[in-house]
Amino acid sequence: DGGADHEAAPELVGDDPTDLTELPSGYRAFLDGCAAEERGDLHGAEAAYRRALELQPPLAAAHTNVGNLAYRRGDVAGARAAYELAIEHEPGQPEARYNLANLLEDVGETELAIAELRRVCHASPDFADAHYNLGILLARVGGIAQAQRHLERYLEIDAGSDWAERAKSFLASLAA
């Protein structure tokens, strides 16, 4: 077998058109949006994400990113609708639920936020930020033991971050 002499490594997809890449693809437009967002071109990013959704309406990641951009602009209703569409198309996508939970908390819907974060933590047990946020919210509503478990889980996953110190301080205050 001719390819067994070297380790297989993923290859970057180039921009040279081929028979398969001449047609626009939703995912390609999504990647363009990600690149624009990384460059700080939020307008270009949103245009690319919307183009991705024209080409491939069920692309949940594009809906999530449209929601994030809407939320940054202060368009809470638009962000919520985008997150909900992402979840409708891909119920298991943790980022959409996580971002929806943060939005819900910001608008005072704490119980719904907790429910979404519980779903994220259950489906994606290594999603550190979801455990952190869930721990904080549970502590606020009096679920101290549950809060401690989620903050401890956060520290298992992300012990070296700046937020780890906050989690440790918060845990210490809960124990006091």
N, C-alpha and C. Protein backbone atom coordinates (compact mmCIF):
# COMPACT_ATOMS: atom_id res chain seq x y z
N ASP A 1 0.84 -1.16 0.00
CA ASP A 1 0.00 0.00 0.00
C ASP A 1 0.88 1.21 0.00
N GLY A 2 0.74 2.00 -1.03
CA GLY A 2 1.68 3.06 -1.31
C GLY A 2 1.69 4.19 -0.31
N GLY A 3 0.62 4.41 0.45
CA GLY A 3 0.59 5.54 1.37
C GLY A 3 1.01 5.20 2.77
N ALA A 4 1.40 3.97 3.04
CA ALA A 4 1.71 3.55 4.40
C ALA A 4 3.08 4.00 4.88
N ASP A 5 3.89 4.59 4.01
CA ASP A 5 5.23 4.97 4.40
C ASP A 5 5.28 6.25 5.23
N HIS A 6 4.20 7.02 5.25
CA HIS A 6 4.20 8.26 6.02
C HIS A 6 2.91 8.36 6.84
N GLU A 7 2.99 9.15 7.90
CA GLU A 7 1.80 9.33 8.72
C GLU A 7 0.81 10.21 7.98
N ALA A 8 -0.44 9.86 8.06
CA ALA A 8 -1.48 10.67 7.44
C ALA A 8 -1.66 11.95 8.25
N ALA A 9 -1.74 13.06 7.55
CA ALA A 9 -1.97 14.34 8.22
C ALA A 9 -3.06 15.08 7.47
N PRO A 10 -3.87 15.82 8.19
CA PRO A 10 -4.91 16.57 7.49
C PRO A 10 -4.28 17.61 6.59
N GLU A 11 -4.91 17.82 5.46
CA GLU A 11 -4.42 18.82 4.52
C GLU A 11 -5.39 19.97 4.46
N LEU A 12 -4.84 21.17 4.34
CA LEU A 12 -5.67 22.35 4.18
C LEU A 12 -6.30 22.33 2.80
N VAL A 13 -7.51 22.80 2.72
CA VAL A 13 -8.18 22.91 1.44
C VAL A 13 -7.78 24.24 0.84
N GLY A 14 -7.24 24.20 -0.38
CA GLY A 14 -6.81 25.42 -1.03
C GLY A 14 -7.96 26.16 -1.69
N ASP A 15 -7.67 27.30 -2.26
CA ASP A 15 -8.69 28.11 -2.92
C ASP A 15 -8.78 27.85 -4.41
N ASP A 16 -7.96 26.96 -4.95
CA ASP A 16 -8.00 26.69 -6.38
C ASP A 16 -9.30 25.97 -6.71
N PRO A 17 -10.06 26.51 -7.67
CA PRO A 17 -11.32 25.86 -8.00
C PRO A 17 -11.11 24.52 -8.67
N THR A 18 -11.93 23.57 -8.28
CA THR A 18 -11.96 22.28 -8.94
C THR A 18 -13.41 22.03 -9.30
N ASP A 19 -13.68 20.93 -9.95
CA ASP A 19 -15.06 20.64 -10.31
C ASP A 19 -15.97 20.64 -9.09
N LEU A 20 -15.46 20.19 -7.95
CA LEU A 20 -16.29 20.10 -6.76
C LEU A 20 -16.39 21.41 -6.00
N THR A 21 -15.43 22.30 -6.16
CA THR A 21 -15.44 23.52 -5.36
C THR A 21 -15.85 24.76 -6.13
N GLU A 22 -16.17 24.63 -7.41
CA GLU A 22 -16.58 25.81 -8.17
C GLU A 22 -17.91 26.37 -7.68
N LEU A 23 -18.79 25.49 -7.25
CA LEU A 23 -20.07 25.95 -6.75
C LEU A 23 -19.91 26.46 -5.33
N PRO A 24 -20.61 27.53 -5.00
CA PRO A 24 -20.51 28.02 -3.62
C PRO A 24 -21.10 27.00 -2.65
N SER A 25 -20.50 26.91 -1.51
CA SER A 25 -21.04 26.00 -0.49
C SER A 25 -21.29 26.78 0.78
N GLY A 26 -22.31 26.34 1.49
CA GLY A 26 -22.64 26.97 2.76
C GLY A 26 -21.48 26.89 3.75
N TYR A 27 -20.85 25.75 3.77
CA TYR A 27 -19.75 25.60 4.73
C TYR A 27 -18.58 26.50 4.36
N ARG A 28 -18.31 26.63 3.08
CA ARG A 28 -17.22 27.51 2.63
C ARG A 28 -17.52 28.96 3.05
N ALA A 29 -18.76 29.39 2.86
CA ALA A 29 -19.16 30.74 3.28
C ALA A 29 -19.05 30.88 4.79
N PHE A 30 -19.41 29.83 5.52
CA PHE A 30 -19.27 29.84 6.98
C PHE A 30 -17.81 30.05 7.37
N LEU A 31 -16.91 29.32 6.74
CA LEU A 31 -15.48 29.47 7.04
C LEU A 31 -14.99 30.88 6.71
N ASP A 32 -15.51 31.45 5.61
CA ASP A 32 -15.18 32.83 5.27
C ASP A 32 -15.64 33.78 6.38
N GLY A 33 -16.81 33.50 6.93
CA GLY A 33 -17.32 34.31 8.04
C GLY A 33 -16.43 34.21 9.27
N CYS A 34 -15.99 33.02 9.57
CA CYS A 34 -15.08 32.82 10.72
C CYS A 34 -13.79 33.60 10.52
N ALA A 35 -13.25 33.54 9.32
CA ALA A 35 -12.01 34.26 9.02
C ALA A 35 -12.22 35.77 9.13
N ALA A 36 -13.34 36.26 8.62
CA ALA A 36 -13.64 37.69 8.72
C ALA A 36 -13.78 38.11 10.17
N GLU A 37 -14.43 37.27 10.96
CA GLU A 37 -14.61 37.59 12.38
C GLU A 37 -13.26 37.63 13.10
N GLU A 38 -12.38 36.71 12.78
CA GLU A 38 -11.04 36.70 13.38
C GLU A 38 -10.26 37.97 13.02
N ARG A 39 -10.50 38.51 11.83
CA ARG A 39 -9.85 39.75 11.41
C ARG A 39 -10.50 40.98 12.02
N GLY A 40 -11.63 40.80 12.69
CA GLY A 40 -12.34 41.93 13.28
C GLY A 40 -13.34 42.57 12.33
N ASP A 41 -13.57 41.95 11.20
CA ASP A 41 -14.53 42.46 10.21
C ASP A 41 -15.90 41.85 10.51
N LEU A 42 -16.60 42.42 11.48
CA LEU A 42 -17.86 41.84 11.92
C LEU A 42 -18.95 41.97 10.86
N HIS A 43 -18.93 43.07 10.11
CA HIS A 43 -19.91 43.24 9.04
C HIS A 43 -19.70 42.17 7.96
N GLY A 44 -18.46 41.97 7.56
CA GLY A 44 -18.14 40.94 6.58
C GLY A 44 -18.45 39.55 7.09
N ALA A 45 -18.20 39.33 8.38
CA ALA A 45 -18.50 38.03 8.99
C ALA A 45 -19.99 37.75 8.92
N GLU A 46 -20.78 38.73 9.31
CA GLU A 46 -22.22 38.50 9.29
C GLU A 46 -22.72 38.26 7.87
N ALA A 47 -22.22 39.01 6.91
CA ALA A 47 -22.62 38.80 5.52
C ALA A 47 -22.27 37.39 5.06
N ALA A 48 -21.10 36.92 5.44
CA ALA A 48 -20.68 35.57 5.05
C ALA A 48 -21.55 34.51 5.74
N TYR A 49 -21.85 34.69 7.02
CA TYR A 49 -22.71 33.73 7.72
C TYR A 49 -24.10 33.71 7.10
N ARG A 50 -24.62 34.87 6.76
CA ARG A 50 -25.95 34.92 6.14
C ARG A 50 -25.92 34.26 4.76
N ARG A 51 -24.84 34.43 4.03
CA ARG A 51 -24.69 33.76 2.73
C ARG A 51 -24.65 32.25 2.95
N ALA A 52 -23.95 31.82 3.98
CA ALA A 52 -23.89 30.39 4.30
C ALA A 52 -25.30 29.85 4.55
N LEU A 53 -26.12 30.64 5.24
CA LEU A 53 -27.47 30.19 5.55
C LEU A 53 -28.39 30.22 4.33
N GLU A 54 -28.11 31.10 3.40
CA GLU A 54 -28.87 31.08 2.13
C GLU A 54 -28.57 29.78 1.38
N LEU A 55 -27.32 29.39 1.41
CA LEU A 55 -26.89 28.19 0.68
C LEU A 55 -27.22 26.90 1.40
N GLN A 56 -27.19 26.97 2.73
CA GLN A 56 -27.37 25.77 3.54
C GLN A 56 -28.13 26.16 4.81
N PRO A 57 -29.45 26.35 4.74
CA PRO A 57 -30.23 26.86 5.87
C PRO A 57 -30.08 26.09 7.19
N PRO A 58 -29.87 24.78 7.16
CA PRO A 58 -29.76 24.10 8.46
C PRO A 58 -28.37 24.15 9.11
N LEU A 59 -27.46 24.99 8.61
CA LEU A 59 -26.09 25.04 9.16
C LEU A 59 -26.12 25.73 10.53
N ALA A 60 -26.24 24.92 11.56
CA ALA A 60 -26.44 25.41 12.92
C ALA A 60 -25.32 26.34 13.39
N ALA A 61 -24.09 26.03 13.05
CA ALA A 61 -22.97 26.86 13.50
C ALA A 61 -23.08 28.28 12.96
N ALA A 62 -23.58 28.43 11.74
CA ALA A 62 -23.77 29.77 11.17
C ALA A 62 -24.87 30.51 11.92
N HIS A 63 -25.95 29.82 12.26
CA HIS A 63 -27.02 30.45 13.05
C HIS A 63 -26.46 30.92 14.40
N THR A 64 -25.65 30.07 15.03
CA THR A 64 -25.06 30.43 16.32
C THR A 64 -24.20 31.69 16.19
N ASN A 65 -23.38 31.75 15.16
CA ASN A 65 -22.49 32.91 15.00
C ASN A 65 -23.26 34.16 14.63
N VAL A 66 -24.34 34.03 13.84
CA VAL A 66 -25.21 35.18 13.58
C VAL A 66 -25.80 35.67 14.90
N GLY A 67 -26.19 34.74 15.75
CA GLY A 67 -26.71 35.10 17.07
C GLY A 67 -25.68 35.84 17.90
N ASN A 68 -24.45 35.36 17.88
CA ASN A 68 -23.40 36.03 18.65
C ASN A 68 -23.18 37.47 18.18
N LEU A 69 -23.18 37.65 16.86
CA LEU A 69 -22.98 39.00 16.31
C LEU A 69 -24.18 39.89 16.65
N ALA A 70 -25.38 39.35 16.57
CA ALA A 70 -26.57 40.12 16.93
C ALA A 70 -26.51 40.53 18.40
N TYR A 71 -26.08 39.61 19.25
CA TYR A 71 -26.02 39.91 20.68
C TYR A 71 -25.00 41.00 20.97
N ARG A 72 -23.88 40.96 20.28
CA ARG A 72 -22.86 42.02 20.45
C ARG A 72 -23.43 43.39 20.09
N ARG A 73 -24.32 43.42 19.10
CA ARG A 73 -24.95 44.68 18.68
C ARG A 73 -26.07 45.10 19.61
N GLY A 74 -26.42 44.26 20.56
CA GLY A 74 -27.53 44.58 21.46
C GLY A 74 -28.88 44.11 20.95
N ASP A 75 -28.89 43.32 19.88
CA ASP A 75 -30.14 42.79 19.32
C ASP A 75 -30.46 41.47 20.01
N VAL A 76 -31.04 41.58 21.20
CA VAL A 76 -31.32 40.39 22.02
C VAL A 76 -32.33 39.48 21.33
N ALA A 77 -33.38 40.06 20.78
CA ALA A 77 -34.40 39.25 20.12
C ALA A 77 -33.82 38.52 18.91
N GLY A 78 -33.01 39.20 18.12
CA GLY A 78 -32.38 38.57 16.96
C GLY A 78 -31.43 37.47 17.37
N ALA A 79 -30.67 37.71 18.43
CA ALA A 79 -29.74 36.70 18.92
C ALA A 79 -30.49 35.47 19.41
N ARG A 80 -31.54 35.70 20.18
CA ARG A 80 -32.31 34.57 20.72
C ARG A 80 -32.91 33.75 19.57
N ALA A 81 -33.46 34.42 18.58
CA ALA A 81 -34.05 33.71 17.44
C ALA A 81 -32.98 32.89 16.71
N ALA A 82 -31.80 33.45 16.54
CA ALA A 82 -30.73 32.73 15.86
C ALA A 82 -30.28 31.50 16.66
N TYR A 83 -30.14 31.66 17.97
CA TYR A 83 -29.74 30.52 18.81
C TYR A 83 -30.80 29.44 18.76
N GLU A 84 -32.06 29.85 18.82
CA GLU A 84 -33.14 28.87 18.80
C GLU A 84 -33.20 28.13 17.45
N LEU A 85 -32.92 28.84 16.36
CA LEU A 85 -32.85 28.17 15.05
C LEU A 85 -31.69 27.18 15.01
N ALA A 86 -30.55 27.57 15.57
CA ALA A 86 -29.41 26.65 15.61
C ALA A 86 -29.79 25.38 16.37
N ILE A 87 -30.46 25.54 17.49
CA ILE A 87 -30.85 24.38 18.31
C ILE A 87 -31.90 23.55 17.57
N GLU A 88 -32.80 24.21 16.87
CA GLU A 88 -33.81 23.49 16.09
C GLU A 88 -33.14 22.61 15.03
N HIS A 89 -32.13 23.15 14.38
CA HIS A 89 -31.45 22.40 13.32
C HIS A 89 -30.47 21.36 13.87
N GLU A 90 -29.86 21.66 15.00
CA GLU A 90 -28.88 20.74 15.59
C GLU A 90 -29.01 20.78 17.11
N PRO A 91 -29.97 20.02 17.65
CA PRO A 91 -30.26 20.09 19.09
C PRO A 91 -29.06 19.81 19.99
N GLY A 92 -28.09 19.07 19.49
CA GLY A 92 -26.93 18.73 20.31
C GLY A 92 -25.80 19.74 20.27
N GLN A 93 -25.97 20.84 19.55
CA GLN A 93 -24.87 21.81 19.45
C GLN A 93 -24.73 22.56 20.79
N PRO A 94 -23.67 22.32 21.53
CA PRO A 94 -23.57 22.93 22.87
C PRO A 94 -23.38 24.45 22.83
N GLU A 95 -22.71 24.98 21.82
CA GLU A 95 -22.44 26.42 21.78
C GLU A 95 -23.72 27.24 21.70
N ALA A 96 -24.67 26.78 20.90
CA ALA A 96 -25.94 27.50 20.77
C ALA A 96 -26.67 27.52 22.11
N ARG A 97 -26.73 26.38 22.76
CA ARG A 97 -27.42 26.32 24.07
C ARG A 97 -26.68 27.15 25.12
N TYR A 98 -25.36 27.08 25.10
CA TYR A 98 -24.57 27.86 26.05
C TYR A 98 -24.81 29.36 25.86
N ASN A 99 -24.77 29.81 24.61
CA ASN A 99 -24.99 31.23 24.34
C ASN A 99 -26.42 31.64 24.65
N LEU A 100 -27.37 30.76 24.35
CA LEU A 100 -28.76 31.05 24.70
C LEU A 100 -28.90 31.17 26.22
N ALA A 101 -28.25 30.30 26.95
CA ALA A 101 -28.30 30.35 28.41
C ALA A 101 -27.76 31.68 28.93
N ASN A 102 -26.65 32.14 28.38
CA ASN A 102 -26.09 33.42 28.81
C ASN A 102 -27.06 34.56 28.52
N LEU A 103 -27.68 34.54 27.35
CA LEU A 103 -28.67 35.55 26.99
C LEU A 103 -29.85 35.50 27.96
N LEU A 104 -30.35 34.30 28.23
CA LEU A 104 -31.48 34.14 29.15
C LEU A 104 -31.14 34.70 30.52
N GLU A 105 -29.96 34.42 31.00
CA GLU A 105 -29.55 34.96 32.30
C GLU A 105 -29.50 36.48 32.25
N ASP A 106 -28.97 37.02 31.18
CA ASP A 106 -28.87 38.48 31.05
C ASP A 106 -30.23 39.16 31.04
N VAL A 107 -31.26 38.48 30.54
CA VAL A 107 -32.60 39.09 30.51
C VAL A 107 -33.45 38.66 31.70
N GLY A 108 -32.82 38.01 32.68
CA GLY A 108 -33.52 37.69 33.92
C GLY A 108 -34.27 36.37 33.92
N GLU A 109 -34.07 35.53 32.94
CA GLU A 109 -34.75 34.24 32.88
C GLU A 109 -33.81 33.15 33.41
N THR A 110 -33.49 33.28 34.71
CA THR A 110 -32.48 32.44 35.34
C THR A 110 -32.83 30.96 35.29
N GLU A 111 -34.07 30.61 35.55
CA GLU A 111 -34.44 29.19 35.56
C GLU A 111 -34.27 28.56 34.18
N LEU A 112 -34.66 29.29 33.15
CA LEU A 112 -34.46 28.78 31.78
C LEU A 112 -32.97 28.69 31.46
N ALA A 113 -32.20 29.66 31.92
CA ALA A 113 -30.74 29.62 31.71
C ALA A 113 -30.14 28.39 32.37
N ILE A 114 -30.57 28.11 33.59
CA ILE A 114 -30.07 26.93 34.31
C ILE A 114 -30.43 25.66 33.54
N ALA A 115 -31.65 25.59 33.04
CA ALA A 115 -32.08 24.40 32.29
C ALA A 115 -31.21 24.20 31.05
N GLU A 116 -30.92 25.28 30.33
CA GLU A 116 -30.07 25.16 29.14
C GLU A 116 -28.65 24.73 29.52
N LEU A 117 -28.11 25.32 30.56
CA LEU A 117 -26.75 24.95 30.98
C LEU A 117 -26.70 23.50 31.46
N ARG A 118 -27.74 23.04 32.10
CA ARG A 118 -27.79 21.62 32.50
C ARG A 118 -27.73 20.73 31.26
N ARG A 119 -28.46 21.11 30.21
CA ARG A 119 -28.43 20.33 28.97
C ARG A 119 -27.02 20.31 28.38
N VAL A 120 -26.36 21.47 28.39
CA VAL A 120 -25.01 21.54 27.85
C VAL A 120 -24.07 20.64 28.64
N CYS A 121 -24.12 20.75 29.96
CA CYS A 121 -23.22 19.96 30.80
C CYS A 121 -23.47 18.47 30.67
N HIS A 122 -24.73 18.11 30.49
CA HIS A 122 -25.06 16.69 30.32
C HIS A 122 -24.55 16.17 28.98
N ALA A 123 -24.80 16.93 27.93
CA ALA A 123 -24.42 16.49 26.57
C ALA A 123 -22.93 16.64 26.29
N SER A 124 -22.31 17.64 26.91
CA SER A 124 -20.88 17.93 26.68
C SER A 124 -20.20 18.11 28.04
N PRO A 125 -19.92 17.01 28.73
CA PRO A 125 -19.41 17.11 30.10
C PRO A 125 -18.06 17.81 30.24
N ASP A 126 -17.35 18.01 29.14
CA ASP A 126 -16.06 18.71 29.21
C ASP A 126 -16.16 20.17 28.80
N PHE A 127 -17.34 20.72 28.66
CA PHE A 127 -17.56 22.12 28.30
C PHE A 127 -17.38 22.94 29.60
N ALA A 128 -16.14 23.33 29.84
CA ALA A 128 -15.76 23.96 31.11
C ALA A 128 -16.60 25.19 31.44
N ASP A 129 -16.74 26.11 30.51
CA ASP A 129 -17.45 27.35 30.80
C ASP A 129 -18.90 27.11 31.18
N ALA A 130 -19.51 26.08 30.62
CA ALA A 130 -20.89 25.77 30.99
C ALA A 130 -20.96 25.34 32.45
N HIS A 131 -19.99 24.56 32.91
CA HIS A 131 -19.96 24.16 34.33
C HIS A 131 -19.76 25.37 35.22
N TYR A 132 -18.88 26.24 34.82
CA TYR A 132 -18.62 27.45 35.62
C TYR A 132 -19.89 28.28 35.75
N ASN A 133 -20.50 28.61 34.62
CA ASN A 133 -21.70 29.45 34.65
C ASN A 133 -22.84 28.78 35.39
N LEU A 134 -23.00 27.47 35.19
CA LEU A 134 -24.05 26.76 35.90
C LEU A 134 -23.79 26.79 37.40
N GLY A 135 -22.55 26.61 37.80
CA GLY A 135 -22.22 26.69 39.23
C GLY A 135 -22.57 28.04 39.82
N ILE A 136 -22.26 29.11 39.13
CA ILE A 136 -22.55 30.45 39.62
C ILE A 136 -24.07 30.65 39.74
N LEU A 137 -24.80 30.26 38.70
CA LEU A 137 -26.26 30.44 38.72
C LEU A 137 -26.92 29.59 39.80
N LEU A 138 -26.48 28.35 39.94
CA LEU A 138 -27.06 27.50 40.98
C LEU A 138 -26.82 28.07 42.37
N ALA A 139 -25.65 28.64 42.58
CA ALA A 139 -25.37 29.26 43.88
C ALA A 139 -26.31 30.43 44.12
N ARG A 140 -26.58 31.21 43.08
CA ARG A 140 -27.48 32.36 43.22
C ARG A 140 -28.89 31.97 43.62
N VAL A 141 -29.34 30.80 43.15
CA VAL A 141 -30.71 30.37 43.48
C VAL A 141 -30.74 29.43 44.68
N GLY A 142 -29.61 29.26 45.36
CA GLY A 142 -29.58 28.48 46.59
C GLY A 142 -29.17 27.03 46.43
N GLY A 143 -28.80 26.60 45.26
CA GLY A 143 -28.37 25.21 45.05
C GLY A 143 -26.89 25.06 45.31
N ILE A 144 -26.50 25.26 46.56
CA ILE A 144 -25.08 25.33 46.92
C ILE A 144 -24.33 24.03 46.62
N ALA A 145 -24.89 22.89 47.01
CA ALA A 145 -24.19 21.61 46.79
C ALA A 145 -24.01 21.36 45.29
N GLN A 146 -25.04 21.62 44.50
CA GLN A 146 -24.92 21.45 43.05
C GLN A 146 -23.91 22.45 42.47
N ALA A 147 -23.95 23.66 42.97
CA ALA A 147 -23.02 24.69 42.50
C ALA A 147 -21.58 24.25 42.75
N GLN A 148 -21.34 23.72 43.93
CA GLN A 148 -20.00 23.26 44.27
C GLN A 148 -19.54 22.16 43.31
N ARG A 149 -20.43 21.22 43.01
CA ARG A 149 -20.06 20.12 42.10
C ARG A 149 -19.69 20.65 40.71
N HIS A 150 -20.46 21.62 40.22
CA HIS A 150 -20.16 22.14 38.88
C HIS A 150 -18.89 22.99 38.87
N LEU A 151 -18.66 23.74 39.93
CA LEU A 151 -17.42 24.53 39.99
C LEU A 151 -16.21 23.61 40.15
N GLU A 152 -16.36 22.54 40.91
CA GLU A 152 -15.27 21.57 41.03
C GLU A 152 -15.00 20.89 39.69
N ARG A 153 -16.06 20.59 38.95
CA ARG A 153 -15.89 19.99 37.62
C ARG A 153 -15.18 20.98 36.69
N TYR A 154 -15.56 22.24 36.78
CA TYR A 154 -14.89 23.27 35.99
C TYR A 154 -13.39 23.25 36.28
N LEU A 155 -13.02 23.18 37.55
CA LEU A 155 -11.60 23.18 37.93
C LEU A 155 -10.88 21.91 37.45
N GLU A 156 -11.58 20.78 37.38
CA GLU A 156 -10.97 19.56 36.83
C GLU A 156 -10.61 19.76 35.36
N ILE A 157 -11.46 20.49 34.65
CA ILE A 157 -11.28 20.66 33.21
C ILE A 157 -10.30 21.79 32.89
N ASP A 158 -10.38 22.88 33.64
CA ASP A 158 -9.67 24.11 33.27
C ASP A 158 -8.94 24.73 34.46
N ALA A 159 -8.13 23.94 35.14
CA ALA A 159 -7.48 24.39 36.37
C ALA A 159 -6.46 25.50 36.17
N GLY A 160 -5.94 25.66 34.97
CA GLY A 160 -4.86 26.62 34.77
C GLY A 160 -5.29 27.99 34.27
N SER A 161 -6.54 28.24 34.10
CA SER A 161 -6.98 29.51 33.52
C SER A 161 -7.10 30.61 34.58
N ASP A 162 -7.24 31.83 34.11
CA ASP A 162 -7.48 32.95 35.03
C ASP A 162 -8.81 32.76 35.76
N TRP A 163 -9.78 32.19 35.06
CA TRP A 163 -11.09 31.96 35.68
C TRP A 163 -11.03 30.91 36.77
N ALA A 164 -10.02 30.04 36.75
CA ALA A 164 -9.89 29.02 37.78
C ALA A 164 -9.72 29.66 39.16
N GLU A 165 -8.98 30.75 39.20
CA GLU A 165 -8.80 31.45 40.48
C GLU A 165 -10.14 32.00 40.98
N ARG A 166 -10.94 32.52 40.07
CA ARG A 166 -12.28 33.00 40.45
C ARG A 166 -13.14 31.84 40.96
N ALA A 167 -13.07 30.72 40.27
CA ALA A 167 -13.85 29.56 40.69
C ALA A 167 -13.42 29.09 42.08
N LYS A 168 -12.11 29.07 42.33
CA LYS A 168 -11.62 28.67 43.65
C LYS A 168 -12.10 29.63 44.73
N SER A 169 -12.05 30.92 44.44
CA SER A 169 -12.52 31.93 45.41
C SER A 169 -14.01 31.76 45.67
N PHE A 170 -14.76 31.55 44.60
CA PHE A 170 -16.21 31.39 44.74
C PHE A 170 -16.52 30.13 45.55
N LEU A 171 -15.80 29.04 45.27
CA LEU A 171 -15.98 27.81 46.04
C LEU A 171 -15.68 28.04 47.51
N ALA A 172 -14.61 28.76 47.80
CA ALA A 172 -14.25 29.05 49.19
C ALA A 172 -15.36 29.86 49.87
N SER A 173 -15.94 30.80 49.16
CA SER A 173 -17.02 31.61 49.76
C SER A 173 -18.27 30.74 50.00
N LEU A 174 -18.50 29.76 49.15
CA LEU A 174 -19.65 28.86 49.36
C LEU A 174 -19.44 27.97 50.58
N ALA A 175 -18.20 27.58 50.80
CA ALA A 175 -17.89 26.68 51.91
C ALA A 175 -17.90 27.42 53.25
N ALA A 176 -17.75 28.73 53.21
CA ALA A 176 -17.65 29.52 54.46
C ALA A 176 -19.01 29.66 55.14
